Amino acid sequence: ELARLDAERICCRKAELAALLVLNTSLLEE
């Protein structure tokens, strides 16, 4: 349900993306 929600404000979308990436992302050199 939450994945289908689309925030209207750009600031909110950036905040959500930040949380999604901060907790699950790695930077890999290939």
All heavy atoms as atom14 arrays in JSON, in Angstrom:
{
  "sequence": "ELARLDAERICCRKAELAALLVLNTSLLEE",
  "atom14_mask": [
    [1, 1, 1, 1, 1, 1, 1, 1, 1, 0, 0, 0, 0, 0],
    [1, 1, 1, 1, 1, 1, 1, 1, 0, 0, 0, 0, 0, 0],
    [1, 1, 1, 1, 1, 0, 0, 0, 0, 0, 0, 0, 0, 0],
    [1, 1, 1, 1, 1, 1, 1, 1, 1, 1, 1, 0, 0, 0],
    [1, 1, 1, 1, 1, 1, 1, 1, 0, 0, 0, 0, 0, 0],
    [1, 1, 1, 1, 1, 1, 1, 1, 0, 0, 0, 0, 0, 0],
    [1, 1, 1, 1, 1, 0, 0, 0, 0, 0, 0, 0, 0, 0],
    [1, 1, 1, 1, 1, 1, 1, 1, 1, 0, 0, 0, 0, 0],
    [1, 1, 1, 1, 1, 1, 1, 1, 1, 1, 1, 0, 0, 0],
    [1, 1, 1, 1, 1, 1, 1, 1, 0, 0, 0, 0, 0, 0],
    [1, 1, 1, 1, 1, 1, 0, 0, 0, 0, 0, 0, 0, 0],
    [1, 1, 1, 1, 1, 1, 0, 0, 0, 0, 0, 0, 0, 0],
    [1, 1, 1, 1, 1, 1, 1, 1, 1, 1, 1, 0, 0, 0],
    [1, 1, 1, 1, 1, 1, 1, 1, 1, 0, 0, 0, 0, 0],
    [1, 1, 1, 1, 1, 0, 0, 0, 0, 0, 0, 0, 0, 0],
    [1, 1, 1, 1, 1, 1, 1, 1, 1, 0, 0, 0, 0, 0],
    [1, 1, 1, 1, 1, 1, 1, 1, 0, 0, 0, 0, 0, 0],
    [1, 1, 1, 1, 1, 0, 0, 0, 0, 0, 0, 0, 0, 0],
    [1, 1, 1, 1, 1, 0, 0, 0, 0, 0, 0, 0, 0, 0],
    [1, 1, 1, 1, 1, 1, 1, 1, 0, 0, 0, 0, 0, 0],
    [1, 1, 1, 1, 1, 1, 1, 1, 0, 0, 0, 0, 0, 0],
    [1, 1, 1, 1, 1, 1, 1, 0, 0, 0, 0, 0, 0, 0],
    [1, 1, 1, 1, 1, 1, 1, 1, 0, 0, 0, 0, 0, 0],
    [1, 1, 1, 1, 1, 1, 1, 1, 0, 0, 0, 0, 0, 0],
    [1, 1, 1, 1, 1, 1, 1, 0, 0, 0, 0, 0, 0, 0],
    [1, 1, 1, 1, 1, 1, 0, 0, 0, 0, 0, 0, 0, 0],
    [1, 1, 1, 1, 1, 1, 1, 1, 0, 0, 0, 0, 0, 0],
    [1, 1, 1, 1, 1, 1, 1, 1, 0, 0, 0, 0, 0, 0],
    [1, 1, 1, 1, 1, 1, 1, 1, 1, 0, 0, 0, 0, 0],
    [1, 1, 1, 1, 1, 1, 1, 1, 1, 0, 0, 0, 0, 0]
  ],
  "atom14_positions": [
    [[0.83, -1.21, 0.0], [0.0, 0.0, 0.0], [0.86, 1.26, 0.0], [0.61, 2.21, -0.75], [-0.93, 0.0, 1.21], [-1.82, 1.23, 1.28], [-2.73, 1.27, 2.49], [-2.72, 0.3, 3.29], [-3.46, 2.27, 2.65], [0.0, 0.0, 0.0], [0.0, 0.0, 0.0], [0.0, 0.0, 0.0], [0.0, 0.0, 0.0], [0.0, 0.0, 0.0]],
    [[1.9, 1.27, 0.83], [2.77, 2.45, 0.92], [3.56, 2.66, -0.37], [3.81, 3.8, -0.77], [3.73, 2.3, 2.1], [3.09, 2.3, 3.5], [4.15, 2.14, 4.57], [2.29, 3.57, 3.73], [0.0, 0.0, 0.0], [0.0, 0.0, 0.0], [0.0, 0.0, 0.0], [0.0, 0.0, 0.0], [0.0, 0.0, 0.0], [0.0, 0.0, 0.0]],
    [[3.95, 1.57, -1.02], [4.72, 1.7, -2.25], [3.9, 2.34, -3.37], [4.46, 2.93, -4.29], [5.23, 0.32, -2.7], [0.0, 0.0, 0.0], [0.0, 0.0, 0.0], [0.0, 0.0, 0.0], [0.0, 0.0, 0.0], [0.0, 0.0, 0.0], [0.0, 0.0, 0.0], [0.0, 0.0, 0.0], [0.0, 0.0, 0.0], [0.0, 0.0, 0.0]],
    [[2.58, 2.24, -3.28], [1.72, 2.82, -4.32], [1.42, 4.29, -4.07], [0.86, 4.96, -4.94], [0.41, 2.03, -4.41], [0.58, 0.62, -4.93], [-0.77, 0.0, -5.29], [-1.64, -0.1, -4.12], [-1.7, -1.17, -3.34], [-0.92, -2.21, -3.58], [-2.53, -1.2, -2.29], [0.0, 0.0, 0.0], [0.0, 0.0, 0.0], [0.0, 0.0, 0.0]],
    [[1.78, 4.79, -2.89], [1.52, 6.2, -2.6], [2.53, 7.1, -3.32], [3.73, 6.82, -3.31], [1.61, 6.46, -1.09], [0.52, 5.84, -0.22], [0.79, 6.18, 1.26], [-0.86, 6.34, -0.62], [0.0, 0.0, 0.0], [0.0, 0.0, 0.0], [0.0, 0.0, 0.0], [0.0, 0.0, 0.0], [0.0, 0.0, 0.0], [0.0, 0.0, 0.0]],
    [[2.03, 8.16, -3.91], [2.9, 9.13, -4.58], [2.73, 10.49, -3.92], [1.66, 11.09, -3.97], [2.56, 9.24, -6.07], [2.92, 7.97, -6.82], [3.99, 7.41, -6.54], [2.12, 7.54, -7.68], [0.0, 0.0, 0.0], [0.0, 0.0, 0.0], [0.0, 0.0, 0.0], [0.0, 0.0, 0.0], [0.0, 0.0, 0.0], [0.0, 0.0, 0.0]],
    [[3.8, 10.97, -3.28], [3.75, 12.29, -2.65], [3.66, 13.37, -3.72], [4.27, 13.27, -4.78], [5.0, 12.49, -1.8], [0.0, 0.0, 0.0], [0.0, 0.0, 0.0], [0.0, 0.0, 0.0], [0.0, 0.0, 0.0], [0.0, 0.0, 0.0], [0.0, 0.0, 0.0], [0.0, 0.0, 0.0], [0.0, 0.0, 0.0], [0.0, 0.0, 0.0]],
    [[2.87, 14.4, -3.44], [2.7, 15.49, -4.41], [3.9, 16.44, -4.43], [4.34, 16.86, -5.48], [1.42, 16.27, -4.09], [0.15, 15.45, -4.26], [-1.09, 16.26, -3.99], [-0.95, 17.48, -3.7], [-2.2, 15.7, -4.05], [0.0, 0.0, 0.0], [0.0, 0.0, 0.0], [0.0, 0.0, 0.0], [0.0, 0.0, 0.0], [0.0, 0.0, 0.0]],
    [[4.44, 16.76, -3.27], [5.54, 17.72, -3.19], [6.87, 17.05, -3.56], [7.14, 15.91, -3.17], [5.65, 18.29, -1.78], [4.46, 19.14, -1.34], [4.66, 19.55, 0.1], [3.56, 20.37, 0.6], [3.53, 21.69, 0.54], [4.57, 22.35, 0.01], [2.51, 22.37, 1.01], [0.0, 0.0, 0.0], [0.0, 0.0, 0.0], [0.0, 0.0, 0.0]],
    [[7.7, 17.76, -4.27], [9.01, 17.26, -4.62], [9.84, 17.04, -3.36], [10.6, 16.06, -3.25], [9.73, 18.22, -5.59], [9.04, 18.21, -6.95], [11.2, 17.85, -5.74], [9.65, 19.15, -7.96], [0.0, 0.0, 0.0], [0.0, 0.0, 0.0], [0.0, 0.0, 0.0], [0.0, 0.0, 0.0], [0.0, 0.0, 0.0], [0.0, 0.0, 0.0]],
    [[9.71, 17.95, -2.37], [10.49, 17.82, -1.13], [10.16, 16.52, -0.41], [11.05, 15.86, 0.14], [10.26, 19.03, -0.23], [8.52, 19.29, 0.24], [0.0, 0.0, 0.0], [0.0, 0.0, 0.0], [0.0, 0.0, 0.0], [0.0, 0.0, 0.0], [0.0, 0.0, 0.0], [0.0, 0.0, 0.0], [0.0, 0.0, 0.0], [0.0, 0.0, 0.0]],
    [[8.88, 16.12, -0.43], [8.47, 14.88, 0.22], [8.98, 13.66, -0.54], [9.39, 12.66, 0.07], [6.95, 14.81, 0.34], [6.24, 16.09, 1.38], [0.0, 0.0, 0.0], [0.0, 0.0, 0.0], [0.0, 0.0, 0.0], [0.0, 0.0, 0.0], [0.0, 0.0, 0.0], [0.0, 0.0, 0.0], [0.0, 0.0, 0.0], [0.0, 0.0, 0.0]],
    [[8.99, 13.76, -1.85], [9.48, 12.63, -2.66], [10.97, 12.44, -2.45], [11.47, 11.31, -2.38], [9.15, 12.88, -4.13], [7.64, 12.96, -4.38], [7.32, 13.47, -5.75], [7.6, 12.49, -6.77], [7.57, 12.74, -8.08], [7.3, 13.97, -8.5], [7.82, 11.79, -8.95], [0.0, 0.0, 0.0], [0.0, 0.0, 0.0], [0.0, 0.0, 0.0]],
    [[11.7, 13.55, -2.31], [13.14, 13.45, -2.04], [13.38, 12.85, -0.65], [14.28, 12.03, -0.46], [13.8, 14.82, -2.15], [13.99, 15.31, -3.57], [14.78, 16.61, -3.6], [15.03, 17.06, -5.04], [15.83, 18.3, -5.1], [0.0, 0.0, 0.0], [0.0, 0.0, 0.0], [0.0, 0.0, 0.0], [0.0, 0.0, 0.0], [0.0, 0.0, 0.0]],
    [[12.57, 13.26, 0.32], [12.73, 12.73, 1.67], [12.47, 11.22, 1.69], [13.22, 10.46, 2.32], [11.77, 13.44, 2.62], [0.0, 0.0, 0.0], [0.0, 0.0, 0.0], [0.0, 0.0, 0.0], [0.0, 0.0, 0.0], [0.0, 0.0, 0.0], [0.0, 0.0, 0.0], [0.0, 0.0, 0.0], [0.0, 0.0, 0.0], [0.0, 0.0, 0.0]],
    [[11.43, 10.78, 0.99], [11.13, 9.35, 0.95], [12.23, 8.58, 0.25], [12.66, 7.52, 0.71], [9.79, 9.12, 0.25], [9.33, 7.67, 0.29], [7.91, 7.49, -0.21], [7.27, 8.48, -0.62], [7.43, 6.33, -0.2], [0.0, 0.0, 0.0], [0.0, 0.0, 0.0], [0.0, 0.0, 0.0], [0.0, 0.0, 0.0], [0.0, 0.0, 0.0]],
    [[12.72, 9.11, -0.87], [13.81, 8.45, -1.59], [15.06, 8.37, -0.72], [15.76, 7.35, -0.72], [14.11, 9.2, -2.89], [15.29, 8.66, -3.72], [15.03, 7.23, -4.16], [15.56, 9.56, -4.92], [0.0, 0.0, 0.0], [0.0, 0.0, 0.0], [0.0, 0.0, 0.0], [0.0, 0.0, 0.0], [0.0, 0.0, 0.0], [0.0, 0.0, 0.0]],
    [[15.34, 9.44, 0.03], [16.51, 9.45, 0.9], [16.45, 8.3, 1.9], [17.44, 7.57, 2.09], [16.62, 10.78, 1.63], [0.0, 0.0, 0.0], [0.0, 0.0, 0.0], [0.0, 0.0, 0.0], [0.0, 0.0, 0.0], [0.0, 0.0, 0.0], [0.0, 0.0, 0.0], [0.0, 0.0, 0.0], [0.0, 0.0, 0.0], [0.0, 0.0, 0.0]],
    [[15.29, 8.11, 2.53], [15.15, 7.01, 3.5], [15.28, 5.66, 2.82], [15.92, 4.74, 3.36], [13.8, 7.12, 4.2], [0.0, 0.0, 0.0], [0.0, 0.0, 0.0], [0.0, 0.0, 0.0], [0.0, 0.0, 0.0], [0.0, 0.0, 0.0], [0.0, 0.0, 0.0], [0.0, 0.0, 0.0], [0.0, 0.0, 0.0], [0.0, 0.0, 0.0]],
    [[14.7, 5.52, 1.65], [14.77, 4.25, 0.92], [16.22, 3.88, 0.59], [16.61, 2.71, 0.65], [13.95, 4.34, -0.37], [12.43, 4.31, -0.18], [11.72, 4.83, -1.43], [11.97, 2.89, 0.13], [0.0, 0.0, 0.0], [0.0, 0.0, 0.0], [0.0, 0.0, 0.0], [0.0, 0.0, 0.0], [0.0, 0.0, 0.0], [0.0, 0.0, 0.0]],
    [[17.02, 4.89, 0.24], [18.4, 4.62, -0.16], [19.35, 4.54, 1.03], [20.25, 3.69, 1.05], [18.88, 5.69, -1.14], [18.17, 5.74, -2.49], [18.75, 6.84, -3.37], [18.28, 4.39, -3.21], [0.0, 0.0, 0.0], [0.0, 0.0, 0.0], [0.0, 0.0, 0.0], [0.0, 0.0, 0.0], [0.0, 0.0, 0.0], [0.0, 0.0, 0.0]],
    [[19.19, 5.42, 2.01], [20.11, 5.46, 3.15], [20.18, 4.11, 3.87], [21.24, 3.69, 4.33], [19.7, 6.58, 4.13], [20.33, 6.37, 5.51], [20.13, 7.93, 3.58], [0.0, 0.0, 0.0], [0.0, 0.0, 0.0], [0.0, 0.0, 0.0], [0.0, 0.0, 0.0], [0.0, 0.0, 0.0], [0.0, 0.0, 0.0], [0.0, 0.0, 0.0]],
    [[19.06, 3.41, 3.95], [19.01, 2.18, 4.73], [19.31, 0.92, 3.92], [19.44, -0.16, 4.49], [17.62, 2.03, 5.38], [17.2, 3.17, 6.3], [15.82, 2.91, 6.88], [18.2, 3.37, 7.42], [0.0, 0.0, 0.0], [0.0, 0.0, 0.0], [0.0, 0.0, 0.0], [0.0, 0.0, 0.0], [0.0, 0.0, 0.0], [0.0, 0.0, 0.0]],
    [[19.44, 1.04, 2.61], [19.58, -0.17, 1.8], [20.61, -0.08, 0.69], [20.7, -0.99, -0.13], [18.23, -0.5, 1.14], [17.21, -1.03, 2.12], [17.26, -2.18, 2.51], [16.32, -0.17, 2.56], [0.0, 0.0, 0.0], [0.0, 0.0, 0.0], [0.0, 0.0, 0.0], [0.0, 0.0, 0.0], [0.0, 0.0, 0.0], [0.0, 0.0, 0.0]],
    [[21.37, 0.99, 0.64], [22.23, 1.22, -0.52], [23.7, 1.01, -0.21], [24.17, 1.26, 0.9], [22.03, 2.66, -1.05], [20.67, 2.82, -1.42], [22.89, 2.93, -2.26], [0.0, 0.0, 0.0], [0.0, 0.0, 0.0], [0.0, 0.0, 0.0], [0.0, 0.0, 0.0], [0.0, 0.0, 0.0], [0.0, 0.0, 0.0], [0.0, 0.0, 0.0]],
    [[24.41, 0.54, -1.21], [25.87, 0.48, -1.17], [26.4, 1.08, -2.46], [25.72, 1.09, -3.48], [26.35, -0.97, -1.0], [25.83, -1.79, -2.03], [0.0, 0.0, 0.0], [0.0, 0.0, 0.0], [0.0, 0.0, 0.0], [0.0, 0.0, 0.0], [0.0, 0.0, 0.0], [0.0, 0.0, 0.0], [0.0, 0.0, 0.0], [0.0, 0.0, 0.0]],
    [[27.6, 1.61, -2.39], [28.28, 2.14, -3.57], [29.38, 1.17, -3.94], [30.31, 0.93, -3.15], [28.85, 3.54, -3.3], [27.82, 4.62, -2.92], [28.53, 5.95, -2.7], [26.75, 4.76, -4.0], [0.0, 0.0, 0.0], [0.0, 0.0, 0.0], [0.0, 0.0, 0.0], [0.0, 0.0, 0.0], [0.0, 0.0, 0.0], [0.0, 0.0, 0.0]],
    [[29.27, 0.57, -5.11], [30.22, -0.46, -5.54], [30.97, 0.0, -6.78], [30.37, 0.54, -7.72], [29.48, -1.77, -5.83], [28.65, -2.36, -4.67], [27.93, -3.61, -5.15], [29.54, -2.68, -3.48], [0.0, 0.0, 0.0], [0.0, 0.0, 0.0], [0.0, 0.0, 0.0], [0.0, 0.0, 0.0], [0.0, 0.0, 0.0], [0.0, 0.0, 0.0]],
    [[32.25, -0.28, -6.77], [33.07, 0.05, -7.95], [33.26, -1.2, -8.79], [33.72, -2.24, -8.3], [34.42, 0.61, -7.51], [35.22, 1.18, -8.67], [36.45, 1.93, -8.22], [36.53, 2.28, -7.03], [37.34, 2.17, -9.06], [0.0, 0.0, 0.0], [0.0, 0.0, 0.0], [0.0, 0.0, 0.0], [0.0, 0.0, 0.0], [0.0, 0.0, 0.0]],
    [[32.86, -1.11, -10.04], [32.98, -2.24, -10.97], [33.61, -1.74, -12.27], [33.09, -0.82, -12.91], [31.59, -2.84, -11.26], [30.9, -3.4, -10.03], [29.51, -3.93, -10.35], [29.07, -3.79, -11.52], [28.85, -4.48, -9.44], [0.0, 0.0, 0.0], [0.0, 0.0, 0.0], [0.0, 0.0, 0.0], [0.0, 0.0, 0.0], [0.0, 0.0, 0.0]]
  ]
}
